[in-house]
Amino acid sequence: MTPFLSVLTSVVGWVGAMLAVASAAVIGPARLREASNGLRSRLWDARWAGAVLCAVLLASAVGRSSLQAVSELFGVQGTALIYRLEGGFVAWVQATFATAELTAYFSWVYVYGYAFLLAFPVVACLALPRTATLRRLLVAYAINYAIGLALYTLVFAYGPRNVMPDMVAPLLFANQPDIMLLADEVNVNTNVFPSLHTSLAVTVGTFAVLTREEYPRWTPIGVPLALSVVIATMYLGIHWLTDVVAGFALAFGSVSLAYRLVDPRDAAEPIDAAEPSGDANEEPPGSGTGAHD
């Protein structure tokens, strides 16, 4: 097995294990069994939101190197501007708080915790009787990536570990050097403004609050984990505070826009009710559920 596949297998293994545990503890076996009956209907109902997200991700993967070249030639040179704005804040964070234990924790959070944080809400929303929340989540993800890709093209900037190598250590790669293999496949070191790790983590944290009635156990897990990802971006020397602030703005804007764009047209009854019952005279199942979007 190549080093890259080894790292990828590790991430998939960790995330798969965490999804299994969280699904049992947060969603619950009963709801999972009930949700499996209408899974195909939910997936079909959310197909357009999923297609938009896949299209944005594909455009990001295919056009990343080309857009980086455009950014370098024509984009706003933002490195000096950001440095003048906040100075050595990230260097101060590392000098003040860095320990071996925190480095290990934030390195794990930045890679494994982040991947789990993005994946679990999709599973949880699929288990809800209605698909409005799932569609809103997928659209919010797509908006984050689309606007983030546009800003990466408009603003050409390096992260603090590249600008201040004598003051800011690349703690993630020093702690887990193999992660560099994975990072090189999905990112470039000028993709800093805004921090998509921040925007997507805060998006998930916001949805965790919005769905606290449906999943009360997820909110106290998702929100602290999302905030840990935010802190990790600076603690590890990857993003500036400016990138993080922009990430918060992008997250809240994406969630708000997703709620405006996605009409909860199935709010009156669960998606399961649209499935044929096998008896033309029988009342559609699930018509009495009262779950929220």
C-alpha atoms as a PDB file:
ATOM      1  CA  MET A   1       0.000   0.000   0.000  1.00  0.00           C
ATOM      2  CA  THR A   2       1.325   3.444  -0.922  1.00  0.00           C
ATOM      3  CA  PRO A   3       1.776   6.084   1.817  1.00  0.00           C
ATOM      4  CA  PHE A   4      -1.102   8.123   0.366  1.00  0.00           C
ATOM      5  CA  LEU A   5      -3.493   5.151   0.412  1.00  0.00           C
ATOM      6  CA  SER A   6      -2.362   4.343   3.936  1.00  0.00           C
ATOM      7  CA  VAL A   7      -3.284   7.840   5.132  1.00  0.00           C
ATOM      8  CA  LEU A   8      -6.583   7.787   3.242  1.00  0.00           C
ATOM      9  CA  THR A   9      -7.458   4.375   4.670  1.00  0.00           C
ATOM     10  CA  SER A  10      -6.723   5.646   8.169  1.00  0.00           C
ATOM     11  CA  VAL A  11      -9.034   8.635   7.708  1.00  0.00           C
ATOM     12  CA  VAL A  12     -11.824   6.508   6.232  1.00  0.00           C
ATOM     13  CA  GLY A  13     -11.441   3.960   9.036  1.00  0.00           C
ATOM     14  CA  TRP A  14     -11.587   6.585  11.786  1.00  0.00           C
ATOM     15  CA  VAL A  15     -14.541   8.392  10.244  1.00  0.00           C
ATOM     16  CA  GLY A  16     -16.421   5.153   9.611  1.00  0.00           C
ATOM     17  CA  ALA A  17     -15.985   4.061  13.214  1.00  0.00           C
ATOM     18  CA  MET A  18     -17.078   7.450  14.551  1.00  0.00           C
ATOM     19  CA  LEU A  19     -20.115   7.486  12.258  1.00  0.00           C
ATOM     20  CA  ALA A  20     -21.173   4.070  13.514  1.00  0.00           C
ATOM     21  CA  VAL A  21     -20.881   5.083  17.166  1.00  0.00           C
ATOM     22  CA  ALA A  22     -22.534   8.487  16.677  1.00  0.00           C
ATOM     23  CA  SER A  23     -25.367   7.001  14.624  1.00  0.00           C
ATOM     24  CA  ALA A  24     -26.180   4.544  17.393  1.00  0.00           C
ATOM     25  CA  ALA A  25     -25.818   7.080  20.213  1.00  0.00           C
ATOM     26  CA  VAL A  26     -27.296  10.213  18.620  1.00  0.00           C
ATOM     27  CA  ILE A  27     -29.774   8.979  16.011  1.00  0.00           C
ATOM     28  CA  GLY A  28     -30.658   5.738  17.759  1.00  0.00           C
ATOM     29  CA  PRO A  29     -31.292   2.219  16.420  1.00  0.00           C
ATOM     30  CA  ALA A  30     -35.067   2.680  16.294  1.00  0.00           C
ATOM     31  CA  ARG A  31     -34.925   5.819  14.169  1.00  0.00           C
ATOM     32  CA  LEU A  32     -32.278   4.265  11.928  1.00  0.00           C
ATOM     33  CA  ARG A  33     -34.500   1.230  11.292  1.00  0.00           C
ATOM     34  CA  GLU A  34     -37.484   3.462  10.592  1.00  0.00           C
ATOM     35  CA  ALA A  35     -35.429   5.710   8.291  1.00  0.00           C
ATOM     36  CA  SER A  36     -34.179   2.779   6.219  1.00  0.00           C
ATOM     37  CA  ASN A  37     -37.712   2.210   4.902  1.00  0.00           C
ATOM     38  CA  GLY A  38     -37.841   5.579   3.173  1.00  0.00           C
ATOM     39  CA  LEU A  39     -34.164   6.000   2.305  1.00  0.00           C
ATOM     40  CA  ARG A  40     -34.629   5.818  -1.460  1.00  0.00           C
ATOM     41  CA  SER A  41     -37.387   8.437  -1.339  1.00  0.00           C
ATOM     42  CA  ARG A  42     -35.258  10.788   0.728  1.00  0.00           C
ATOM     43  CA  LEU A  43     -32.271  10.410  -1.572  1.00  0.00           C
ATOM     44  CA  TRP A  44     -34.459  11.046  -4.610  1.00  0.00           C
ATOM     45  CA  ASP A  45     -36.034  14.094  -3.022  1.00  0.00           C
ATOM     46  CA  ALA A  46     -32.597  15.553  -2.221  1.00  0.00           C
ATOM     47  CA  ARG A  47     -31.090  14.705  -5.608  1.00  0.00           C
ATOM     48  CA  TRP A  48     -30.841  18.270  -6.906  1.00  0.00           C
ATOM     49  CA  ALA A  49     -29.168  19.585  -3.776  1.00  0.00           C
ATOM     50  CA  GLY A  50     -26.733  16.665  -3.914  1.00  0.00           C
ATOM     51  CA  ALA A  51     -26.075  17.255  -7.611  1.00  0.00           C
ATOM     52  CA  VAL A  52     -25.260  20.928  -7.000  1.00  0.00           C
ATOM     53  CA  LEU A  53     -22.817  20.021  -4.245  1.00  0.00           C
ATOM     54  CA  CYS A  54     -21.136  17.370  -6.408  1.00  0.00           C
ATOM     55  CA  ALA A  55     -20.838  19.836  -9.290  1.00  0.00           C
ATOM     56  CA  VAL A  56     -19.156  22.429  -7.065  1.00  0.00           C
ATOM     57  CA  LEU A  57     -16.765  19.847  -5.616  1.00  0.00           C
ATOM     58  CA  LEU A  58     -15.899  18.595  -9.096  1.00  0.00           C
ATOM     59  CA  ALA A  59     -15.251  22.127 -10.332  1.00  0.00           C
ATOM     60  CA  SER A  60     -13.002  22.732  -7.324  1.00  0.00           C
ATOM     61  CA  ALA A  61     -11.036  19.539  -7.904  1.00  0.00           C
ATOM     62  CA  VAL A  62     -10.627  20.034 -11.643  1.00  0.00           C
ATOM     63  CA  GLY A  63      -9.988  23.754 -11.681  1.00  0.00           C
ATOM     64  CA  ARG A  64      -7.942  24.186  -8.509  1.00  0.00           C
ATOM     65  CA  SER A  65      -4.505  24.419 -10.136  1.00  0.00           C
ATOM     66  CA  SER A  66      -5.710  26.629 -12.998  1.00  0.00           C
ATOM     67  CA  LEU A  67      -7.534  28.983 -10.670  1.00  0.00           C
ATOM     68  CA  GLN A  68      -4.452  29.204  -8.461  1.00  0.00           C
ATOM     69  CA  ALA A  69      -2.451  30.391 -11.468  1.00  0.00           C
ATOM     70  CA  VAL A  70      -5.127  32.984 -12.266  1.00  0.00           C
ATOM     71  CA  SER A  71      -5.109  34.104  -8.642  1.00  0.00           C
ATOM     72  CA  GLU A  72      -1.342  34.502  -8.585  1.00  0.00           C
ATOM     73  CA  LEU A  73      -1.381  36.617 -11.760  1.00  0.00           C
ATOM     74  CA  PHE A  74      -4.518  38.694 -11.326  1.00  0.00           C
ATOM     75  CA  GLY A  75      -5.747  38.259  -7.750  1.00  0.00           C
ATOM     76  CA  VAL A  76      -5.469  40.713  -4.912  1.00  0.00           C
ATOM     77  CA  GLN A  77      -2.122  40.172  -3.176  1.00  0.00           C
ATOM     78  CA  GLY A  78      -3.493  39.732   0.310  1.00  0.00           C
ATOM     79  CA  THR A  79      -0.587  38.365   2.345  1.00  0.00           C
ATOM     80  CA  ALA A  80       0.960  41.716   3.312  1.00  0.00           C
ATOM     81  CA  LEU A  81      -2.458  43.244   3.932  1.00  0.00           C
ATOM     82  CA  ILE A  82      -3.485  40.459   6.307  1.00  0.00           C
ATOM     83  CA  TYR A  83      -0.145  40.613   8.118  1.00  0.00           C
ATOM     84  CA  ARG A  84      -0.460  44.384   8.603  1.00  0.00           C
ATOM     85  CA  LEU A  85      -3.993  43.879   9.882  1.00  0.00           C
ATOM     86  CA  GLU A  86      -3.265  41.312  12.594  1.00  0.00           C
ATOM     87  CA  GLY A  87       0.495  40.988  12.900  1.00  0.00           C
ATOM     88  CA  GLY A  88       1.796  38.038  14.871  1.00  0.00           C
ATOM     89  CA  PHE A  89      -1.457  36.877  16.479  1.00  0.00           C
ATOM     90  CA  VAL A  90      -1.067  33.276  15.302  1.00  0.00           C
ATOM     91  CA  ALA A  91       2.568  33.269  16.440  1.00  0.00           C
ATOM     92  CA  TRP A  92       1.378  34.468  19.848  1.00  0.00           C
ATOM     93  CA  VAL A  93      -1.210  31.654  20.001  1.00  0.00           C
ATOM     94  CA  GLN A  94       1.464  29.035  19.407  1.00  0.00           C
ATOM     95  CA  ALA A  95       3.997  30.631  21.758  1.00  0.00           C
ATOM     96  CA  THR A  96       1.413  30.921  24.538  1.00  0.00           C
ATOM     97  CA  PHE A  97      -0.571  27.688  24.323  1.00  0.00           C
ATOM     98  CA  ALA A  98       1.385  25.059  22.367  1.00  0.00           C
ATOM     99  CA  THR A  99       1.928  21.765  24.186  1.00  0.00           C
ATOM    100  CA  ALA A 100       2.506  18.256  22.931  1.00  0.00           C
ATOM    101  CA  GLU A 101      -0.952  17.207  24.121  1.00  0.00           C
ATOM    102  CA  LEU A 102      -2.767  20.109  22.476  1.00  0.00           C
ATOM    103  CA  THR A 103      -0.802  19.612  19.261  1.00  0.00           C
ATOM    104  CA  ALA A 104      -1.836  15.964  19.138  1.00  0.00           C
ATOM    105  CA  TYR A 105      -5.465  16.864  19.844  1.00  0.00           C
ATOM    106  CA  PHE A 106      -5.767  19.696  17.331  1.00  0.00           C
ATOM    107  CA  SER A 107      -3.931  17.684  14.667  1.00  0.00           C
ATOM    108  CA  TRP A 108      -6.448  14.871  15.120  1.00  0.00           C
ATOM    109  CA  VAL A 109      -9.355  17.333  15.103  1.00  0.00           C
ATOM    110  CA  TYR A 110      -8.162  19.130  11.975  1.00  0.00           C
ATOM    111  CA  VAL A 111      -8.057  15.922   9.924  1.00  0.00           C
ATOM    112  CA  TYR A 112     -10.205  13.184  11.453  1.00  0.00           C
ATOM    113  CA  GLY A 113     -12.610  15.242  13.541  1.00  0.00           C
ATOM    114  CA  TYR A 114     -13.283  17.603  10.646  1.00  0.00           C
ATOM    115  CA  ALA A 115     -14.076  14.794   8.210  1.00  0.00           C
ATOM    116  CA  PHE A 116     -16.469  13.235  10.731  1.00  0.00           C
ATOM    117  CA  LEU A 117     -18.018  16.637  11.470  1.00  0.00           C
ATOM    118  CA  LEU A 118     -18.964  17.088   7.813  1.00  0.00           C
ATOM    119  CA  ALA A 119     -20.162  13.525   7.259  1.00  0.00           C
ATOM    120  CA  PHE A 120     -22.342  12.883  10.297  1.00  0.00           C
ATOM    121  CA  PRO A 121     -24.950  15.634   9.714  1.00  0.00           C
ATOM    122  CA  VAL A 122     -25.678  14.151   6.276  1.00  0.00           C
ATOM    123  CA  VAL A 123     -26.439  10.786   7.894  1.00  0.00           C
ATOM    124  CA  ALA A 124     -28.476  12.422  10.659  1.00  0.00           C
ATOM    125  CA  CYS A 125     -30.517  14.531   8.235  1.00  0.00           C
ATOM    126  CA  LEU A 126     -31.192  11.481   6.069  1.00  0.00           C
ATOM    127  CA  ALA A 127     -32.817   9.867   9.092  1.00  0.00           C
ATOM    128  CA  LEU A 128     -35.314  12.701   9.552  1.00  0.00           C
ATOM    129  CA  PRO A 129     -38.872  12.148   8.227  1.00  0.00           C
ATOM    130  CA  ARG A 130     -38.642  15.226   5.994  1.00  0.00           C
ATOM    131  CA  THR A 131     -35.800  16.208   3.679  1.00  0.00           C
ATOM    132  CA  ALA A 132     -35.899  19.995   4.075  1.00  0.00           C
ATOM    133  CA  THR A 133     -33.007  20.021   6.556  1.00  0.00           C
ATOM    134  CA  LEU A 134     -30.943  17.639   4.425  1.00  0.00           C
ATOM    135  CA  ARG A 135     -31.456  19.768   1.327  1.00  0.00           C
ATOM    136  CA  ARG A 136     -30.584  22.922   3.227  1.00  0.00           C
ATOM    137  CA  LEU A 137     -27.433  21.320   4.608  1.00  0.00           C
ATOM    138  CA  LEU A 138     -26.230  20.175   1.182  1.00  0.00           C
ATOM    139  CA  VAL A 139     -26.972  23.567  -0.362  1.00  0.00           C
ATOM    140  CA  ALA A 140     -25.128  25.308   2.490  1.00  0.00           C
ATOM    141  CA  TYR A 141     -22.107  23.073   1.862  1.00  0.00           C
ATOM    142  CA  ALA A 142     -22.252  23.924  -1.852  1.00  0.00           C
ATOM    143  CA  ILE A 143     -22.477  27.666  -1.183  1.00  0.00           C
ATOM    144  CA  ASN A 144     -19.491  27.468   1.171  1.00  0.00           C
ATOM    145  CA  TYR A 145     -17.366  25.715  -1.428  1.00  0.00           C
ATOM    146  CA  ALA A 146     -18.514  27.894  -4.338  1.00  0.00           C
ATOM    147  CA  ILE A 147     -17.905  31.216  -2.602  1.00  0.00           C
ATOM    148  CA  GLY A 148     -14.711  29.892  -1.035  1.00  0.00           C
ATOM    149  CA  LEU A 149     -13.395  28.876  -4.455  1.00  0.00           C
ATOM    150  CA  ALA A 150     -14.253  32.301  -5.857  1.00  0.00           C
ATOM    151  CA  LEU A 151     -12.482  34.083  -2.993  1.00  0.00           C
ATOM    152  CA  TYR A 152      -9.433  31.824  -3.298  1.00  0.00           C
ATOM    153  CA  THR A 153      -9.233  33.010  -6.897  1.00  0.00           C
ATOM    154  CA  LEU A 154      -9.774  36.680  -6.064  1.00  0.00           C
ATOM    155  CA  VAL A 155      -7.360  36.800  -3.112  1.00  0.00           C
ATOM    156  CA  PHE A 156      -3.842  35.395  -3.359  1.00  0.00           C
ATOM    157  CA  ALA A 157      -2.390  34.944   0.126  1.00  0.00           C
ATOM    158  CA  TYR A 158      -0.102  32.623   2.051  1.00  0.00           C
ATOM    159  CA  GLY A 159      -0.769  31.301   5.536  1.00  0.00           C
ATOM    160  CA  PRO A 160       1.181  32.337   8.646  1.00  0.00           C
ATOM    161  CA  ARG A 161       3.395  29.240   8.646  1.00  0.00           C
ATOM    162  CA  ASN A 162       4.670  30.291   5.201  1.00  0.00           C
ATOM    163  CA  VAL A 163       5.038  33.979   6.055  1.00  0.00           C
ATOM    164  CA  MET A 164       6.619  33.615   9.499  1.00  0.00           C
ATOM    165  CA  PRO A 165       8.451  30.255   9.435  1.00  0.00           C
ATOM    166  CA  ASP A 166      10.762  31.373  12.273  1.00  0.00           C
ATOM    167  CA  MET A 167       7.789  32.249  14.509  1.00  0.00           C
ATOM    168  CA  VAL A 168       4.985  29.897  13.401  1.00  0.00           C
ATOM    169  CA  ALA A 169       5.684  26.173  13.233  1.00  0.00           C
ATOM    170  CA  PRO A 170       3.760  23.855  10.870  1.00  0.00           C
ATOM    171  CA  LEU A 171       2.605  21.801  13.837  1.00  0.00           C
ATOM    172  CA  LEU A 172       0.213  19.576  11.873  1.00  0.00           C
ATOM    173  CA  PHE A 173       2.862  18.287   9.488  1.00  0.00           C
ATOM    174  CA  ALA A 174       5.471  18.087  12.236  1.00  0.00           C
ATOM    175  CA  ASN A 175       3.109  15.967  14.342  1.00  0.00           C
ATOM    176  CA  GLN A 176       1.693  13.886  11.459  1.00  0.00           C
ATOM    177  CA  PRO A 177       4.047  14.200   8.462  1.00  0.00           C
ATOM    178  CA  ASP A 178       2.076  11.659   6.404  1.00  0.00           C
ATOM    179  CA  ILE A 179      -0.902  14.043   6.389  1.00  0.00           C
ATOM    180  CA  MET A 180       1.070  16.210   3.960  1.00  0.00           C
ATOM    181  CA  LEU A 181       0.394  13.560   1.305  1.00  0.00           C
ATOM    182  CA  LEU A 182      -3.342  13.957   1.762  1.00  0.00           C
ATOM    183  CA  ALA A 183      -3.215  17.743   2.088  1.00  0.00           C
ATOM    184  CA  ASP A 184      -1.338  18.105  -1.185  1.00  0.00           C
ATOM    185  CA  GLU A 185      -4.148  16.270  -2.993  1.00  0.00           C
ATOM    186  CA  VAL A 186      -6.984  18.475  -1.732  1.00  0.00           C
ATOM    187  CA  ASN A 187      -5.452  21.884  -1.061  1.00  0.00           C
ATOM    188  CA  VAL A 188      -2.737  24.396  -1.887  1.00  0.00           C
ATOM    189  CA  ASN A 189      -0.922  26.667   0.554  1.00  0.00           C
ATOM    190  CA  THR A 190      -2.432  29.843  -0.930  1.00  0.00           C
ATOM    191  CA  ASN A 191      -6.010  28.737  -0.203  1.00  0.00           C
ATOM    192  CA  VAL A 192      -6.250  30.595   3.080  1.00  0.00           C
ATOM    193  CA  PHE A 193      -8.836  33.383   2.720  1.00  0.00           C
ATOM    194  CA  PRO A 194     -11.398  32.464   3.875  1.00  0.00           C
ATOM    195  CA  SER A 195     -10.810  29.385   6.030  1.00  0.00           C
ATOM    196  CA  LEU A 196     -13.136  26.716   4.617  1.00  0.00           C
ATOM    197  CA  HIS A 197     -12.340  24.501   7.601  1.00  0.00           C
ATOM    198  CA  THR A 198     -13.828  27.293   9.708  1.00  0.00           C
ATOM    199  CA  SER A 199     -16.808  28.051   7.484  1.00  0.00           C
ATOM    200  CA  LEU A 200     -17.868  24.425   7.067  1.00  0.00           C
ATOM    201  CA  ALA A 201     -17.303  23.592  10.744  1.00  0.00           C
ATOM    202  CA  VAL A 202     -19.357  26.618  11.831  1.00  0.00           C
ATOM    203  CA  THR A 203     -22.020  25.663   9.284  1.00  0.00           C
ATOM    204  CA  VAL A 204     -22.275  22.235  10.928  1.00  0.00           C
ATOM    205  CA  GLY A 205     -22.302  23.828  14.379  1.00  0.00           C
ATOM    206  CA  THR A 206     -25.134  26.116  13.301  1.00  0.00           C
ATOM    207  CA  PHE A 207     -27.174  23.186  11.977  1.00  0.00           C
ATOM    208  CA  ALA A 208     -26.469  21.333  15.229  1.00  0.00           C
ATOM    209  CA  VAL A 209     -28.156  24.190  17.093  1.00  0.00           C
ATOM    210  CA  LEU A 210     -31.022  24.421  14.595  1.00  0.00           C
ATOM    211  CA  THR A 211     -31.734  20.673  14.914  1.00  0.00           C
ATOM    212  CA  ARG A 212     -31.330  20.490  18.676  1.00  0.00           C
ATOM    213  CA  GLU A 213     -34.956  19.394  19.129  1.00  0.00           C
ATOM    214  CA  GLU A 214     -34.532  16.465  16.743  1.00  0.00           C
ATOM    215  CA  TYR A 215     -31.043  15.544  17.968  1.00  0.00           C
ATOM    216  CA  PRO A 216     -30.460  16.948  21.465  1.00  0.00           C
ATOM    217  CA  ARG A 217     -27.397  14.726  21.947  1.00  0.00           C
ATOM    218  CA  TRP A 218     -25.675  16.075  18.854  1.00  0.00           C
ATOM    219  CA  THR A 219     -25.632  19.756  19.822  1.00  0.00           C
ATOM    220  CA  PRO A 220     -23.227  19.369  22.792  1.00  0.00           C
ATOM    221  CA  ILE A 221     -20.965  17.258  20.580  1.00  0.00           C
ATOM    222  CA  GLY A 222     -21.141  19.102  17.268  1.00  0.00           C
ATOM    223  CA  VAL A 223     -20.716  22.653  18.595  1.00  0.00           C
ATOM    224  CA  PRO A 224     -17.550  22.022  20.705  1.00  0.00           C
ATOM    225  CA  LEU A 225     -16.059  19.905  17.910  1.00  0.00           C
ATOM    226  CA  ALA A 226     -16.753  22.685  15.395  1.00  0.00           C
ATOM    227  CA  LEU A 227     -15.100  25.250  17.670  1.00  0.00           C
ATOM    228  CA  SER A 228     -12.122  22.911  18.106  1.00  0.00           C
ATOM    229  CA  VAL A 229     -11.704  22.836  14.317  1.00  0.00           C
ATOM    230  CA  VAL A 230     -11.792  26.640  14.238  1.00  0.00           C
ATOM    231  CA  ILE A 231      -9.104  26.928  16.914  1.00  0.00           C
ATOM    232  CA  ALA A 232      -7.026  24.214  15.237  1.00  0.00           C
ATOM    233  CA  THR A 233      -6.751  26.222  12.028  1.00  0.00           C
ATOM    234  CA  MET A 234      -4.832  28.940  13.893  1.00  0.00           C
ATOM    235  CA  TYR A 235      -3.107  26.814  16.521  1.00  0.00           C
ATOM    236  CA  LEU A 236      -1.544  24.661  13.787  1.00  0.00           C
ATOM    237  CA  GLY A 237      -0.348  27.767  11.911  1.00  0.00           C
ATOM    238  CA  ILE A 238      -2.483  27.119   8.836  1.00  0.00           C
ATOM    239  CA  HIS A 239      -4.828  30.131   8.857  1.00  0.00           C
ATOM    240  CA  TRP A 240      -4.795  33.728  10.010  1.00  0.00           C
ATOM    241  CA  LEU A 241      -7.365  35.129  12.420  1.00  0.00           C
ATOM    242  CA  THR A 242      -8.625  37.165   9.448  1.00  0.00           C
ATOM    243  CA  ASP A 243      -9.322  33.931   7.548  1.00  0.00           C
ATOM    244  CA  VAL A 244     -11.253  32.585  10.518  1.00  0.00           C
ATOM    245  CA  VAL A 245     -13.396  35.721  10.875  1.00  0.00           C
ATOM    246  CA  ALA A 246     -14.180  35.543   7.151  1.00  0.00           C
ATOM    247  CA  GLY A 247     -15.010  31.856   7.614  1.00  0.00           C
ATOM    248  CA  PHE A 248     -17.586  32.684  10.299  1.00  0.00           C
ATOM    249  CA  ALA A 249     -19.200  35.256   8.004  1.00  0.00           C
ATOM    250  CA  LEU A 250     -19.261  32.785   5.111  1.00  0.00           C
ATOM    251  CA  ALA A 251     -20.820  30.090   7.306  1.00  0.00           C
ATOM    252  CA  PHE A 252     -23.648  32.245   8.635  1.00  0.00           C
ATOM    253  CA  GLY A 253     -24.280  33.697   5.183  1.00  0.00           C
ATOM    254  CA  SER A 254     -24.365  30.230   3.606  1.00  0.00           C
ATOM    255  CA  VAL A 255     -26.835  28.867   6.165  1.00  0.00           C
ATOM    256  CA  SER A 256     -29.072  31.919   5.813  1.00  0.00           C
ATOM    257  CA  LEU A 257     -29.011  31.700   2.016  1.00  0.00           C
ATOM    258  CA  ALA A 258     -29.680  27.952   2.076  1.00  0.00           C
ATOM    259  CA  TYR A 259     -32.781  28.531   4.190  1.00  0.00           C
ATOM    260  CA  ARG A 260     -33.966  31.145   1.693  1.00  0.00           C
ATOM    261  CA  LEU A 261     -33.293  28.989  -1.353  1.00  0.00           C
ATOM    262  CA  VAL A 262     -34.698  25.684  -0.100  1.00  0.00           C
ATOM    263  CA  ASP A 263     -38.445  25.702   0.230  1.00  0.00           C
ATOM    264  CA  PRO A 264     -39.597  23.156   2.837  1.00  0.00           C
ATOM    265  CA  ARG A 265     -42.335  22.013   0.468  1.00  0.00           C
ATOM    266  CA  ASP A 266     -42.728  18.714   2.338  1.00  0.00           C
ATOM    267  CA  ALA A 267     -43.319  20.351   5.720  1.00  0.00           C
ATOM    268  CA  ALA A 268     -46.922  19.139   5.839  1.00  0.00           C
ATOM    269  CA  GLU A 269     -46.103  15.441   5.947  1.00  0.00           C
ATOM    270  CA  PRO A 270     -43.037  13.192   6.009  1.00  0.00           C
ATOM    271  CA  ILE A 271     -41.468  12.026   2.765  1.00  0.00           C
ATOM    272  CA  ASP A 272     -42.229   8.467   3.839  1.00  0.00           C
ATOM    273  CA  ALA A 273     -45.908   9.195   3.355  1.00  0.00           C
ATOM    274  CA  ALA A 274     -45.382   9.522  -0.391  1.00  0.00           C
ATOM    275  CA  GLU A 275     -44.388   5.891  -0.682  1.00  0.00           C
ATOM    276  CA  PRO A 276     -47.054   3.440  -1.843  1.00  0.00           C
ATOM    277  CA  SER A 277     -48.361   1.283   0.979  1.00  0.00           C
ATOM    278  CA  GLY A 278     -49.360  -1.688  -1.172  1.00  0.00           C
ATOM    279  CA  ASP A 279     -53.094  -1.157  -0.507  1.00  0.00           C
ATOM    280  CA  ALA A 280     -54.884   1.490  -2.524  1.00  0.00           C
ATOM    281  CA  ASN A 281     -57.481   1.950   0.243  1.00  0.00           C
ATOM    282  CA  GLU A 282     -55.002   2.130   3.091  1.00  0.00           C
ATOM    283  CA  GLU A 283     -54.038   5.443   4.676  1.00  0.00           C
ATOM    284  CA  PRO A 284     -50.428   6.454   3.901  1.00  0.00           C
ATOM    285  CA  PRO A 285     -48.081   5.446   6.690  1.00  0.00           C
ATOM    286  CA  GLY A 286     -46.430   8.042   8.900  1.00  0.00           C
ATOM    287  CA  SER A 287     -49.074  10.719   8.286  1.00  0.00           C
ATOM    288  CA  GLY A 288     -49.324  11.348  11.997  1.00  0.00           C
ATOM    289  CA  THR A 289     -45.698  12.101  12.746  1.00  0.00           C
ATOM    290  CA  GLY A 290     -44.887  15.529  14.014  1.00  0.00           C
ATOM    291  CA  ALA A 291     -41.160  15.799  13.514  1.00  0.00           C
ATOM    292  CA  HIS A 292     -39.812  19.213  12.590  1.00  0.00           C
ATOM    293  CA  ASP A 293     -37.789  20.085   9.490  1.00  0.00           C
END
